[in-house]
Amino acid sequence: MIITKNTSLQDLFNESVNTLSDLQPGEIFIVKQLFRGFEWERISKGNRTKLGSMFFNYANSAGSSIIQPLGKTPQNQQQYKKL
C-alpha cells in the first residue's frame, strides 16, 4: 500500500496491523516503526496520535494474543512486544 497524506486512518491502522506479521516473537517496537520513515512523515500529527490510540485499543482487545503493551518510552511513545 502506498501511504500518502490522504490515506485514511482506517487504512493506516490496517497497514500497521498487517505489518505485525513481519515481526519476530519477542521483538519490541513502537507504532512508528511499523512504517518506513518517509511514510510516517506523510501522516499528519493528528492522525499519528489517533492511530496510536487505535493501536493501543487493539493491543488491549482483539490483538491481545498477538501483541502486548509494555509502557512508554522516555519520549512518551507506547512500546509493544510481539508475542
N, C-alpha and C. Protein backbone atom coordinates (compact mmCIF):
# COMPACT_ATOMS: atom_id res chain seq x y z
N MET A 1 0.84 -1.17 0.00
CA MET A 1 0.00 0.00 0.00
C MET A 1 0.89 1.24 0.00
N ILE A 2 0.51 2.23 -0.77
CA ILE A 2 1.24 3.49 -0.82
C ILE A 2 0.60 4.45 0.18
N ILE A 3 1.40 4.94 1.11
CA ILE A 3 0.94 5.87 2.14
C ILE A 3 1.10 7.29 1.61
N THR A 4 0.03 8.06 1.64
CA THR A 4 0.08 9.47 1.25
C THR A 4 -0.56 10.28 2.37
N LYS A 5 -0.52 11.60 2.23
CA LYS A 5 -1.14 12.46 3.23
C LYS A 5 -2.66 12.28 3.26
N ASN A 6 -3.22 11.66 2.22
CA ASN A 6 -4.66 11.46 2.15
C ASN A 6 -5.10 10.05 2.54
N THR A 7 -4.18 9.20 2.95
CA THR A 7 -4.53 7.84 3.35
C THR A 7 -5.43 7.90 4.58
N SER A 8 -6.52 7.15 4.54
CA SER A 8 -7.47 7.19 5.66
C SER A 8 -6.87 6.58 6.92
N LEU A 9 -7.41 7.01 8.04
CA LEU A 9 -6.96 6.50 9.33
C LEU A 9 -7.17 4.99 9.41
N GLN A 10 -8.30 4.50 8.90
CA GLN A 10 -8.58 3.06 8.92
C GLN A 10 -7.56 2.29 8.09
N ASP A 11 -7.19 2.84 6.93
CA ASP A 11 -6.18 2.19 6.09
C ASP A 11 -4.82 2.17 6.78
N LEU A 12 -4.48 3.26 7.47
CA LEU A 12 -3.22 3.31 8.22
C LEU A 12 -3.22 2.26 9.33
N PHE A 13 -4.35 2.14 10.03
CA PHE A 13 -4.46 1.14 11.09
C PHE A 13 -4.32 -0.27 10.51
N ASN A 14 -5.03 -0.54 9.43
CA ASN A 14 -4.96 -1.87 8.80
C ASN A 14 -3.54 -2.19 8.36
N GLU A 15 -2.84 -1.20 7.82
CA GLU A 15 -1.45 -1.40 7.39
C GLU A 15 -0.55 -1.73 8.58
N SER A 16 -0.76 -1.02 9.70
CA SER A 16 0.06 -1.28 10.88
C SER A 16 -0.18 -2.69 11.42
N VAL A 17 -1.43 -3.13 11.44
CA VAL A 17 -1.75 -4.48 11.92
C VAL A 17 -1.17 -5.53 10.97
N ASN A 18 -1.27 -5.29 9.66
CA ASN A 18 -0.72 -6.24 8.68
C ASN A 18 0.80 -6.37 8.81
N THR A 19 1.47 -5.30 9.17
CA THR A 19 2.93 -5.30 9.29
C THR A 19 3.40 -6.13 10.48
N LEU A 20 2.52 -6.38 11.43
CA LEU A 20 2.90 -7.19 12.60
C LEU A 20 3.41 -8.57 12.20
N SER A 21 2.93 -9.08 11.07
CA SER A 21 3.37 -10.41 10.63
C SER A 21 4.85 -10.42 10.25
N ASP A 22 5.44 -9.25 9.99
CA ASP A 22 6.86 -9.17 9.65
C ASP A 22 7.77 -9.22 10.88
N LEU A 23 7.19 -9.08 12.06
CA LEU A 23 7.97 -9.07 13.30
C LEU A 23 8.16 -10.48 13.84
N GLN A 24 9.28 -10.69 14.51
CA GLN A 24 9.56 -11.97 15.16
C GLN A 24 9.01 -11.94 16.59
N PRO A 25 8.57 -13.07 17.12
CA PRO A 25 8.13 -13.10 18.52
C PRO A 25 9.23 -12.58 19.45
N GLY A 26 8.83 -11.74 20.40
CA GLY A 26 9.77 -11.17 21.35
C GLY A 26 10.29 -9.80 20.95
N GLU A 27 10.09 -9.40 19.70
CA GLU A 27 10.57 -8.08 19.27
C GLU A 27 9.75 -6.97 19.92
N ILE A 28 10.44 -5.91 20.32
CA ILE A 28 9.80 -4.76 20.93
C ILE A 28 9.80 -3.64 19.91
N PHE A 29 8.69 -2.92 19.81
CA PHE A 29 8.54 -1.89 18.78
C PHE A 29 7.58 -0.79 19.23
N ILE A 30 7.60 0.31 18.49
CA ILE A 30 6.60 1.36 18.61
C ILE A 30 5.87 1.44 17.27
N VAL A 31 4.69 2.03 17.26
CA VAL A 31 3.88 2.08 16.04
C VAL A 31 4.65 2.73 14.89
N LYS A 32 5.40 3.77 15.18
CA LYS A 32 6.17 4.47 14.15
C LYS A 32 7.06 3.51 13.36
N GLN A 33 7.58 2.49 14.02
CA GLN A 33 8.50 1.55 13.37
C GLN A 33 7.79 0.60 12.41
N LEU A 34 6.47 0.60 12.42
CA LEU A 34 5.72 -0.25 11.51
C LEU A 34 5.59 0.39 10.12
N PHE A 35 6.08 1.62 9.99
CA PHE A 35 6.06 2.35 8.73
C PHE A 35 7.48 2.76 8.36
N ARG A 36 7.75 2.88 7.06
CA ARG A 36 9.04 3.41 6.64
C ARG A 36 9.08 4.88 7.01
N GLY A 37 10.27 5.42 7.26
CA GLY A 37 10.44 6.78 7.74
C GLY A 37 9.70 7.83 6.94
N PHE A 38 9.83 7.78 5.62
CA PHE A 38 9.17 8.79 4.80
C PHE A 38 7.66 8.61 4.79
N GLU A 39 7.18 7.39 4.99
CA GLU A 39 5.73 7.17 5.08
C GLU A 39 5.20 7.81 6.36
N TRP A 40 5.90 7.59 7.46
CA TRP A 40 5.47 8.14 8.75
C TRP A 40 5.39 9.66 8.68
N GLU A 41 6.33 10.28 8.00
CA GLU A 41 6.35 11.73 7.88
C GLU A 41 5.17 12.26 7.07
N ARG A 42 4.59 11.44 6.21
CA ARG A 42 3.43 11.85 5.41
C ARG A 42 2.14 11.87 6.22
N ILE A 43 2.14 11.20 7.35
CA ILE A 43 0.94 11.11 8.19
C ILE A 43 0.88 12.36 9.06
N SER A 44 -0.27 13.02 9.08
CA SER A 44 -0.40 14.24 9.89
C SER A 44 -0.23 13.90 11.38
N LYS A 45 0.22 14.88 12.14
CA LYS A 45 0.43 14.67 13.58
C LYS A 45 -0.85 14.22 14.26
N GLY A 46 -1.97 14.81 13.88
CA GLY A 46 -3.25 14.42 14.47
C GLY A 46 -3.60 12.97 14.18
N ASN A 47 -3.36 12.53 12.95
CA ASN A 47 -3.65 11.13 12.60
C ASN A 47 -2.67 10.17 13.26
N ARG A 48 -1.43 10.61 13.48
CA ARG A 48 -0.47 9.76 14.20
C ARG A 48 -0.97 9.49 15.61
N THR A 49 -1.47 10.53 16.25
CA THR A 49 -1.99 10.39 17.62
C THR A 49 -3.20 9.47 17.65
N LYS A 50 -4.11 9.67 16.70
CA LYS A 50 -5.32 8.83 16.63
C LYS A 50 -4.94 7.38 16.32
N LEU A 51 -3.98 7.20 15.42
CA LEU A 51 -3.52 5.86 15.07
C LEU A 51 -2.93 5.17 16.30
N GLY A 52 -2.16 5.91 17.09
CA GLY A 52 -1.59 5.35 18.31
C GLY A 52 -2.67 4.90 19.27
N SER A 53 -3.72 5.67 19.41
CA SER A 53 -4.83 5.30 20.29
C SER A 53 -5.55 4.06 19.77
N MET A 54 -5.80 4.03 18.47
CA MET A 54 -6.47 2.86 17.87
C MET A 54 -5.63 1.60 18.08
N PHE A 55 -4.32 1.72 17.88
CA PHE A 55 -3.43 0.57 18.01
C PHE A 55 -3.38 0.09 19.46
N PHE A 56 -3.35 1.04 20.40
CA PHE A 56 -3.33 0.68 21.82
C PHE A 56 -4.62 -0.06 22.20
N ASN A 57 -5.75 0.43 21.72
CA ASN A 57 -7.03 -0.25 21.98
C ASN A 57 -7.05 -1.65 21.38
N TYR A 58 -6.49 -1.79 20.18
CA TYR A 58 -6.38 -3.09 19.53
C TYR A 58 -5.52 -4.04 20.36
N ALA A 59 -4.40 -3.53 20.88
CA ALA A 59 -3.49 -4.35 21.68
C ALA A 59 -4.15 -4.84 22.97
N ASN A 60 -5.10 -4.08 23.47
CA ASN A 60 -5.78 -4.45 24.71
C ASN A 60 -7.08 -5.22 24.47
N SER A 61 -7.41 -5.47 23.22
CA SER A 61 -8.64 -6.22 22.93
C SER A 61 -8.35 -7.32 21.91
N ALA A 62 -8.72 -7.10 20.66
CA ALA A 62 -8.60 -8.14 19.63
C ALA A 62 -7.16 -8.60 19.39
N GLY A 63 -6.19 -7.71 19.58
CA GLY A 63 -4.80 -8.07 19.32
C GLY A 63 -4.03 -8.57 20.52
N SER A 64 -4.72 -8.79 21.64
CA SER A 64 -4.02 -9.16 22.88
C SER A 64 -3.30 -10.50 22.80
N SER A 65 -3.67 -11.34 21.85
CA SER A 65 -2.97 -12.62 21.70
C SER A 65 -1.75 -12.50 20.79
N ILE A 66 -1.60 -11.34 20.15
CA ILE A 66 -0.50 -11.12 19.20
C ILE A 66 0.54 -10.17 19.76
N ILE A 67 0.08 -9.10 20.43
CA ILE A 67 0.98 -8.09 20.96
C ILE A 67 0.60 -7.71 22.38
N GLN A 68 1.59 -7.21 23.09
CA GLN A 68 1.40 -6.82 24.49
C GLN A 68 1.94 -5.41 24.69
N PRO A 69 1.13 -4.47 25.23
CA PRO A 69 1.67 -3.15 25.55
C PRO A 69 2.67 -3.26 26.71
N LEU A 70 3.78 -2.54 26.61
CA LEU A 70 4.82 -2.63 27.64
C LEU A 70 4.92 -1.38 28.50
N GLY A 71 4.48 -0.26 28.01
CA GLY A 71 4.67 1.01 28.71
C GLY A 71 5.28 2.02 27.77
N LYS A 72 5.58 3.19 28.31
CA LYS A 72 6.04 4.30 27.48
C LYS A 72 7.56 4.43 27.49
N THR A 73 8.07 4.95 26.39
CA THR A 73 9.49 5.30 26.29
C THR A 73 9.69 6.66 26.95
N PRO A 74 10.94 7.07 27.17
CA PRO A 74 11.18 8.43 27.70
C PRO A 74 10.60 9.52 26.80
N GLN A 75 10.39 9.21 25.51
CA GLN A 75 9.81 10.16 24.57
C GLN A 75 8.28 10.08 24.55
N ASN A 76 7.71 9.36 25.51
CA ASN A 76 6.26 9.20 25.66
C ASN A 76 5.62 8.43 24.52
N GLN A 77 6.34 7.49 23.93
CA GLN A 77 5.81 6.64 22.87
C GLN A 77 5.53 5.26 23.47
N GLN A 78 4.35 4.74 23.17
CA GLN A 78 3.95 3.43 23.69
C GLN A 78 4.76 2.33 23.03
N GLN A 79 5.34 1.45 23.86
CA GLN A 79 6.08 0.29 23.34
C GLN A 79 5.19 -0.94 23.40
N TYR A 80 5.45 -1.86 22.47
CA TYR A 80 4.72 -3.12 22.40
C TYR A 80 5.71 -4.26 22.21
N LYS A 81 5.26 -5.45 22.55
CA LYS A 81 6.07 -6.65 22.34
C LYS A 81 5.25 -7.62 21.53
N LYS A 82 5.85 -8.16 20.49
CA LYS A 82 5.19 -9.19 19.67
C LYS A 82 5.25 -10.50 20.44
N LEU A 83 4.12 -11.15 20.60
CA LEU A 83 4.06 -12.42 21.35
C LEU A 83 4.27 -13.60 20.44
